[in-house]
């Protein structure tokens, strides 16, 4: 008999989804995708995500960087400039996020209580 706990803990989907499955990560990824040149600075992301605290956005970006979905480009300028974009792996995730967005739009009234 298969040990269900071991099977659950080694599930690849569980570990992959945990890297970007929270609402802030998806919003960051999609915001970068829909930006004019695919690059946004921290404060630009903050303006787009007004309900996300600075601390949470910073932690989310750090997590996405560790997951190789978003690179952090630091420029030696005064004041310092830091830009975020999507890696090729991050870009490959956008079609799946777009499908989820379309599903959400179609089923919004059924899923979200008014």
N, C-alpha and C. Protein backbone atom coordinates (compact mmCIF):
# COMPACT_ATOMS: atom_id res chain seq x y z
N UNK A 1 0.84 -1.18 0.00
CA UNK A 1 0.00 0.00 0.00
C UNK A 1 0.89 1.26 0.00
N UNK A 2 0.51 2.24 -0.80
CA UNK A 2 1.28 3.49 -0.93
C UNK A 2 1.01 4.35 0.30
N UNK A 3 2.08 4.89 0.85
CA UNK A 3 1.96 5.82 1.97
C UNK A 3 1.41 7.14 1.44
N UNK A 4 0.17 7.46 1.79
CA UNK A 4 -0.50 8.65 1.26
C UNK A 4 0.21 9.95 1.66
N UNK A 5 0.73 9.99 2.87
CA UNK A 5 1.43 11.20 3.31
C UNK A 5 2.69 11.43 2.48
N UNK A 6 3.46 10.39 2.24
CA UNK A 6 4.67 10.51 1.43
C UNK A 6 4.32 10.90 0.00
N UNK A 7 3.24 10.32 -0.52
CA UNK A 7 2.79 10.64 -1.88
C UNK A 7 2.39 12.12 -1.98
N UNK A 8 1.69 12.61 -0.96
CA UNK A 8 1.26 14.01 -0.92
C UNK A 8 2.46 14.95 -0.84
N UNK A 9 3.42 14.63 0.01
CA UNK A 9 4.58 15.50 0.22
C UNK A 9 5.50 15.54 -0.99
N UNK A 10 5.50 14.51 -1.82
CA UNK A 10 6.37 14.49 -3.00
C UNK A 10 5.64 14.89 -4.28
N UNK A 11 4.40 15.30 -4.17
CA UNK A 11 3.60 15.69 -5.33
C UNK A 11 4.22 16.91 -6.02
N UNK A 12 4.64 16.77 -7.29
CA UNK A 12 5.28 17.91 -7.96
C UNK A 12 4.35 19.11 -8.15
N UNK A 13 3.08 18.88 -8.40
CA UNK A 13 2.14 19.98 -8.60
C UNK A 13 2.06 20.83 -7.33
N UNK A 14 1.99 20.19 -6.19
CA UNK A 14 1.90 20.90 -4.92
C UNK A 14 3.08 21.85 -4.75
N UNK A 15 4.26 21.39 -5.07
CA UNK A 15 5.46 22.19 -4.87
C UNK A 15 5.60 23.29 -5.93
N UNK A 16 5.19 23.01 -7.14
CA UNK A 16 5.28 24.03 -8.20
C UNK A 16 4.25 25.14 -7.97
N UNK A 17 3.02 24.77 -7.71
CA UNK A 17 1.96 25.76 -7.50
C UNK A 17 2.27 26.64 -6.29
N UNK A 18 2.91 26.08 -5.27
CA UNK A 18 3.22 26.87 -4.08
C UNK A 18 4.18 28.01 -4.39
N UNK A 19 4.87 27.95 -5.52
CA UNK A 19 5.83 28.99 -5.89
C UNK A 19 5.17 30.24 -6.46
N UNK A 20 3.95 30.11 -7.00
CA UNK A 20 3.30 31.27 -7.62
C UNK A 20 1.79 31.28 -7.43
N UNK A 21 1.26 30.37 -6.66
CA UNK A 21 -0.19 30.21 -6.54
C UNK A 21 -0.90 31.22 -5.67
N UNK A 22 -0.18 32.04 -4.93
CA UNK A 22 -0.86 33.03 -4.10
C UNK A 22 -1.29 34.22 -4.96
N UNK A 23 -2.23 35.01 -4.45
CA UNK A 23 -2.79 36.10 -5.26
C UNK A 23 -1.76 37.16 -5.62
N UNK A 24 -0.83 37.45 -4.72
CA UNK A 24 0.12 38.51 -5.02
C UNK A 24 1.09 38.09 -6.12
N UNK A 25 1.55 36.86 -6.07
CA UNK A 25 2.49 36.40 -7.10
C UNK A 25 1.85 36.45 -8.48
N UNK A 26 0.62 35.97 -8.56
CA UNK A 26 -0.06 36.00 -9.87
C UNK A 26 -0.26 37.42 -10.35
N UNK A 27 -0.59 38.33 -9.45
CA UNK A 27 -0.77 39.73 -9.85
C UNK A 27 0.54 40.35 -10.31
N UNK A 28 1.63 40.04 -9.64
CA UNK A 28 2.95 40.56 -10.05
C UNK A 28 3.29 40.01 -11.43
N UNK A 29 3.15 38.71 -11.61
CA UNK A 29 3.49 38.10 -12.90
C UNK A 29 2.65 38.70 -14.03
N UNK A 30 1.36 38.83 -13.79
CA UNK A 30 0.49 39.36 -14.85
C UNK A 30 0.74 40.85 -15.08
N UNK A 31 1.04 41.59 -14.03
CA UNK A 31 1.35 43.02 -14.18
C UNK A 31 2.62 43.21 -15.01
N UNK A 32 3.62 42.40 -14.77
CA UNK A 32 4.85 42.48 -15.57
C UNK A 32 4.55 42.13 -17.03
N UNK A 33 3.73 41.12 -17.23
CA UNK A 33 3.37 40.70 -18.59
C UNK A 33 2.64 41.80 -19.35
N UNK A 34 1.73 42.49 -18.68
CA UNK A 34 0.90 43.49 -19.36
C UNK A 34 1.53 44.88 -19.38
N UNK A 35 2.68 45.05 -18.73
CA UNK A 35 3.32 46.36 -18.75
C UNK A 35 3.82 46.67 -20.16
N UNK A 36 3.98 47.94 -20.43
CA UNK A 36 4.32 48.41 -21.77
C UNK A 36 5.57 47.74 -22.34
N UNK A 37 6.63 47.64 -21.55
CA UNK A 37 7.87 47.04 -22.05
C UNK A 37 8.28 45.77 -21.30
N UNK A 38 7.36 45.26 -20.45
CA UNK A 38 7.64 44.03 -19.72
C UNK A 38 8.56 44.23 -18.53
N UNK A 39 8.80 45.49 -18.17
CA UNK A 39 9.69 45.81 -17.06
C UNK A 39 8.98 46.81 -16.15
N UNK A 40 9.03 46.55 -14.84
CA UNK A 40 8.46 47.48 -13.87
C UNK A 40 9.41 47.65 -12.70
N UNK A 41 9.42 48.85 -12.15
CA UNK A 41 10.18 49.12 -10.93
C UNK A 41 9.27 48.83 -9.74
N UNK A 42 9.88 48.71 -8.57
CA UNK A 42 9.14 48.36 -7.37
C UNK A 42 7.96 49.30 -7.15
N UNK A 43 8.20 50.61 -7.20
CA UNK A 43 7.13 51.58 -6.94
C UNK A 43 6.05 51.56 -8.01
N UNK A 44 6.39 51.19 -9.23
CA UNK A 44 5.37 51.04 -10.27
C UNK A 44 4.45 49.87 -9.92
N UNK A 45 5.04 48.78 -9.47
CA UNK A 45 4.23 47.64 -9.03
C UNK A 45 3.35 48.02 -7.85
N UNK A 46 3.90 48.77 -6.91
CA UNK A 46 3.11 49.22 -5.74
C UNK A 46 1.91 50.05 -6.16
N UNK A 47 2.09 50.92 -7.14
CA UNK A 47 0.98 51.74 -7.63
C UNK A 47 -0.10 50.89 -8.29
N UNK A 48 0.31 49.81 -8.94
CA UNK A 48 -0.66 48.92 -9.59
C UNK A 48 -1.38 48.03 -8.59
N UNK A 49 -0.72 47.74 -7.47
CA UNK A 49 -1.25 46.81 -6.48
C UNK A 49 -1.44 47.55 -5.15
N UNK A 50 -2.36 48.48 -5.14
CA UNK A 50 -2.52 49.38 -3.99
C UNK A 50 -2.93 48.65 -2.70
N UNK A 51 -3.53 47.49 -2.81
CA UNK A 51 -3.96 46.77 -1.61
C UNK A 51 -2.90 45.79 -1.10
N UNK A 52 -1.73 45.81 -1.70
CA UNK A 52 -0.61 44.96 -1.27
C UNK A 52 0.39 45.84 -0.51
N UNK A 53 0.72 45.44 0.70
CA UNK A 53 1.66 46.24 1.49
C UNK A 53 3.06 46.18 0.89
N UNK A 54 3.88 47.15 1.24
CA UNK A 54 5.26 47.20 0.75
C UNK A 54 6.01 45.95 1.19
N UNK A 55 5.81 45.54 2.43
CA UNK A 55 6.48 44.36 2.96
C UNK A 55 6.07 43.09 2.20
N UNK A 56 4.77 42.95 1.92
CA UNK A 56 4.28 41.77 1.20
C UNK A 56 4.76 41.76 -0.24
N UNK A 57 4.78 42.92 -0.89
CA UNK A 57 5.27 42.99 -2.26
C UNK A 57 6.74 42.64 -2.31
N UNK A 58 7.51 43.14 -1.38
CA UNK A 58 8.93 42.84 -1.32
C UNK A 58 9.15 41.34 -1.13
N UNK A 59 8.41 40.72 -0.22
CA UNK A 59 8.53 39.28 0.03
C UNK A 59 8.10 38.48 -1.20
N UNK A 60 7.05 38.93 -1.86
CA UNK A 60 6.56 38.24 -3.06
C UNK A 60 7.60 38.29 -4.17
N UNK A 61 8.18 39.45 -4.40
CA UNK A 61 9.21 39.59 -5.44
C UNK A 61 10.43 38.72 -5.11
N UNK A 62 10.82 38.68 -3.86
CA UNK A 62 11.94 37.85 -3.43
C UNK A 62 11.66 36.37 -3.71
N UNK A 63 10.44 35.96 -3.39
CA UNK A 63 10.03 34.57 -3.60
C UNK A 63 10.01 34.23 -5.10
N UNK A 64 9.48 35.15 -5.91
CA UNK A 64 9.44 34.92 -7.35
C UNK A 64 10.84 34.88 -7.95
N UNK A 65 11.74 35.67 -7.39
CA UNK A 65 13.13 35.66 -7.85
C UNK A 65 13.79 34.33 -7.49
N UNK A 66 13.57 33.85 -6.29
CA UNK A 66 14.12 32.56 -5.86
C UNK A 66 13.57 31.40 -6.69
N UNK A 67 12.36 31.57 -7.20
CA UNK A 67 11.71 30.54 -8.02
C UNK A 67 12.07 30.66 -9.50
N UNK A 68 12.93 31.60 -9.83
CA UNK A 68 13.41 31.82 -11.20
C UNK A 68 12.29 32.22 -12.17
N UNK A 69 11.31 32.96 -11.64
CA UNK A 69 10.23 33.47 -12.48
C UNK A 69 10.40 34.95 -12.79
N UNK A 70 11.11 35.67 -11.91
CA UNK A 70 11.32 37.11 -12.05
C UNK A 70 12.77 37.42 -11.69
N UNK A 71 13.51 38.05 -12.61
CA UNK A 71 14.86 38.50 -12.24
C UNK A 71 14.82 39.91 -11.66
N UNK A 72 15.76 40.21 -10.83
CA UNK A 72 15.88 41.53 -10.22
C UNK A 72 17.14 42.17 -10.78
N UNK A 73 16.96 43.27 -11.50
CA UNK A 73 18.08 43.98 -12.12
C UNK A 73 18.36 45.25 -11.33
N UNK A 74 19.56 45.33 -10.75
CA UNK A 74 19.95 46.49 -9.94
C UNK A 74 20.94 47.33 -10.75
N UNK A 75 20.68 48.63 -10.83
CA UNK A 75 21.54 49.55 -11.55
C UNK A 75 22.29 50.42 -10.56
N UNK A 76 23.56 50.61 -10.80
CA UNK A 76 24.40 51.45 -9.92
C UNK A 76 24.19 52.91 -10.26
N UNK A 77 23.13 53.46 -9.73
CA UNK A 77 22.79 54.86 -9.96
C UNK A 77 22.43 55.49 -8.62
N UNK A 78 22.36 56.80 -8.61
CA UNK A 78 21.90 57.51 -7.43
C UNK A 78 20.68 58.31 -7.84
N UNK A 79 19.51 58.03 -7.31
CA UNK A 79 19.20 56.95 -6.38
C UNK A 79 19.22 55.60 -7.10
N UNK A 80 19.39 54.50 -6.35
CA UNK A 80 19.45 53.18 -6.96
C UNK A 80 18.17 52.86 -7.73
N UNK A 81 18.33 52.18 -8.84
CA UNK A 81 17.19 51.78 -9.66
C UNK A 81 17.17 50.26 -9.70
N UNK A 82 16.00 49.68 -9.40
CA UNK A 82 15.82 48.23 -9.44
C UNK A 82 14.63 47.94 -10.33
N UNK A 83 14.82 47.05 -11.29
CA UNK A 83 13.75 46.70 -12.23
C UNK A 83 13.47 45.21 -12.18
N UNK A 84 12.21 44.88 -12.43
CA UNK A 84 11.77 43.49 -12.46
C UNK A 84 11.15 43.20 -13.82
N UNK A 85 11.31 41.98 -14.27
CA UNK A 85 10.73 41.53 -15.53
C UNK A 85 10.41 40.05 -15.38
N UNK A 86 10.02 39.41 -16.45
CA UNK A 86 9.75 37.97 -16.42
C UNK A 86 10.92 37.21 -17.04
N UNK A 87 11.29 36.10 -16.44
CA UNK A 87 12.25 35.20 -17.07
C UNK A 87 11.50 34.43 -18.16
N UNK A 88 12.21 33.65 -18.93
CA UNK A 88 11.55 32.81 -19.93
C UNK A 88 10.59 31.84 -19.26
N UNK A 89 10.98 31.33 -18.10
CA UNK A 89 10.10 30.43 -17.35
C UNK A 89 8.85 31.18 -16.90
N UNK A 90 9.02 32.40 -16.42
CA UNK A 90 7.89 33.23 -16.02
C UNK A 90 6.96 33.51 -17.20
N UNK A 91 7.55 33.81 -18.35
CA UNK A 91 6.75 34.07 -19.55
C UNK A 91 5.95 32.84 -19.96
N UNK A 92 6.53 31.67 -19.77
CA UNK A 92 5.84 30.44 -20.17
C UNK A 92 4.63 30.15 -19.27
N UNK A 93 4.57 30.79 -18.11
CA UNK A 93 3.46 30.62 -17.18
C UNK A 93 2.26 31.50 -17.54
N UNK A 94 2.47 32.54 -18.30
CA UNK A 94 1.41 33.52 -18.61
C UNK A 94 0.19 32.90 -19.30
N UNK A 95 0.34 32.01 -20.28
CA UNK A 95 -0.88 31.42 -20.87
C UNK A 95 -1.77 30.72 -19.85
N UNK A 96 -1.18 30.03 -18.88
CA UNK A 96 -1.97 29.36 -17.84
C UNK A 96 -2.67 30.38 -16.96
N UNK A 97 -1.99 31.46 -16.60
CA UNK A 97 -2.60 32.51 -15.79
C UNK A 97 -3.72 33.18 -16.57
N UNK A 98 -3.52 33.40 -17.86
CA UNK A 98 -4.55 34.03 -18.71
C UNK A 98 -5.81 33.16 -18.77
N UNK A 99 -5.63 31.86 -18.86
CA UNK A 99 -6.78 30.95 -18.86
C UNK A 99 -7.52 31.04 -17.53
N UNK A 100 -6.79 31.11 -16.44
CA UNK A 100 -7.41 31.24 -15.13
C UNK A 100 -8.16 32.57 -15.00
N UNK A 101 -7.60 33.63 -15.54
CA UNK A 101 -8.28 34.93 -15.52
C UNK A 101 -9.57 34.86 -16.32
N UNK A 102 -9.52 34.26 -17.51
CA UNK A 102 -10.73 34.12 -18.33
C UNK A 102 -11.79 33.30 -17.60
N UNK A 103 -11.36 32.22 -16.94
CA UNK A 103 -12.29 31.40 -16.18
C UNK A 103 -12.92 32.22 -15.06
N UNK A 104 -12.09 33.01 -14.38
CA UNK A 104 -12.58 33.84 -13.28
C UNK A 104 -13.61 34.86 -13.75
N UNK A 105 -13.38 35.45 -14.90
CA UNK A 105 -14.33 36.42 -15.45
C UNK A 105 -15.66 35.73 -15.78
N UNK A 106 -15.58 34.56 -16.36
CA UNK A 106 -16.78 33.83 -16.77
C UNK A 106 -17.59 33.35 -15.56
N UNK A 107 -16.94 32.97 -14.50
CA UNK A 107 -17.62 32.36 -13.35
C UNK A 107 -17.62 33.25 -12.11
N UNK A 108 -17.30 34.53 -12.27
CA UNK A 108 -17.18 35.44 -11.14
C UNK A 108 -18.43 35.42 -10.25
N UNK A 109 -19.59 35.59 -10.84
CA UNK A 109 -20.84 35.66 -10.05
C UNK A 109 -21.14 34.36 -9.33
N UNK A 110 -20.73 33.23 -9.91
CA UNK A 110 -20.98 31.94 -9.28
C UNK A 110 -20.05 31.69 -8.08
N UNK A 111 -18.84 32.25 -8.15
CA UNK A 111 -17.81 31.94 -7.17
C UNK A 111 -17.75 32.98 -6.05
N UNK A 112 -17.92 34.24 -6.40
CA UNK A 112 -17.77 35.33 -5.43
C UNK A 112 -19.14 35.76 -4.93
N UNK A 113 -19.31 35.71 -3.64
CA UNK A 113 -20.57 36.16 -3.05
C UNK A 113 -20.67 37.67 -3.10
N UNK A 114 -21.82 38.14 -3.37
CA UNK A 114 -22.04 39.59 -3.42
C UNK A 114 -22.51 40.10 -2.10
